[in-house]
Amino acid sequence: MLTVEQAQARVLALARPVGAERCWIDAALGRVLAEDLRATRAQPPADNSAMDGYAMLWSDVAHLASDHGCGDEAEGDHGVLLTVVSEIPAGSWSDRILEPGEAAKIMTGAPLPPGDGLVVVMREWTDERGDTVLIKQVGAGVGHNIRNAGEDLAEGATYLEAGRVLQPPDLALLASQGVTQVTVRRQPVVGIISTGDEVHEPGNPLPRGHIWNSNAHALGGLVREAGATPRYLGIARDSMESLREVFSRVEGCDAVISIGGVSVGDYDFVKDVLAELGGEQEFWKVAMRPGKPNASGTLAGMPYFGLPGNPVSSMVSFMQFVRPALLKMQGRNELFLETVDAELEHELSTRKRFLFLVRGVLKPKRAGLGYTVSTTGPQGSGIMRSLSLANCLVAVPEDIDKLPAGARVRVQLLPWTRRAQAESALRQD
């Protein structure tokens, strides 16, 4: 029986990158960039003003800093009176070089007039007097309130690298470079097959002793969270004929998941059908709870995953094996869920020989330094509520069967975990 890490390594060896496609930037959020992007122009393209105010030569006003202290406002008519020789709104340009005793009225984002040794004084530090302006206060020297050309991006610089998951600020960078479309990895299509005579789609009558198909909907959501596209292929009944027919629908997929039928029950025929169809098996069991019956291999040249039928086992197995494979197929660099260490709030008992992944609730400590974690209650692999309440999985190694309260444990954050809080709390206590 493989360890979790051994099984993960085998799964990743099966994952092959999918192709790329062009995508409008407005639809690129969350997509994986397939190419390095270099700036075709400097950003900003020219020195520009960071304030509404006046551009001038620092040499004209430098003594205000020494006379009054940098940033101290002169009283009354004390200050420097300059002649306003031009006005530069955003989107315009001035070729007039400022001479001593002159100033240009300038708006935020407008390019500076040509010349060296300039400074911008914000409007609130001036007294406007028609064709002249009294400068009453100055900043910290040459270049104050000026954004330099290329300070964001230098022309030719790589500003986004292949493998990056595009986020809103990245879309702003793309647009600032005039980009309308970008090359991204295609989203893998993942076929999902449910199995079992007792399984029915929600909305249909439910015979006595049967269940609705919750797993396929959970896995469809997990597939989407991993950046892929789920394709539901239907429910295969517990017969070789039904399994063959449903598995024949996998054409056009990049990976296939089946749910249930991979254990040792009298009606667990999935292994036999896969062998008939030419599938190759990598492993069938993993030393993990929940999720011991866990299959992986290839089918029709694509990765195949046979997940257990118990809902918690199915979802936990997906997060450990299927999700990393789907991320690798998209060219992602970070494949595994984030882990942190936490202090266990209460005693925890498991069994040796298996890596237990216990559903838990992670909380920051009151002092803001580190975390505590507690379980969500009963841990049966059919208790879906226990995973719905959780924001993490507590990893208990194979050689441990009991942990005391206060023990330091490794915690894996679930993909839907958002460490948010009710109040802004930007300041430290």
Foldseek 3Di string as FASTA:
>chain_A
DAALVVQQVVLQVLFAAFAKDKDFLVPQAQFFFAFWDFFQAAVVNAKFFQAQFKKDACVQFVVLCVVQNAFDFAPDLPAAKAFADEEFEAPGADQDDDDRRYIHGYHHNTHDHDDFRMEGDHHVQWDDDPRMIGRGHHHDGGPYRMDGTRPPHHGGHGDDGGQDGDHVVNSVVCVVRVHGMGMGGDAFEEEEEEEEPQEDDPPDDHDPPHDYDPQVVVVQVVSVLLRHHYDYQYYFYLDLVSLLVSVVPCPPGQEYEYEALLDPDPSSCNVVNQVVQVWDWDDQAYQAPPWGGKTWTDGPSHIYIYTYHQRQRRVVVCLSHVSLSSSVNRVHDDRHFDKDKAFEQFKDFAAASHWYWFFWAWDADPQRPGIYIYFQPDGDSNPVVRNVPGQWTWTDHRVDGMDGGGDMTMIGGDSPDDPDDDDPCPDHD
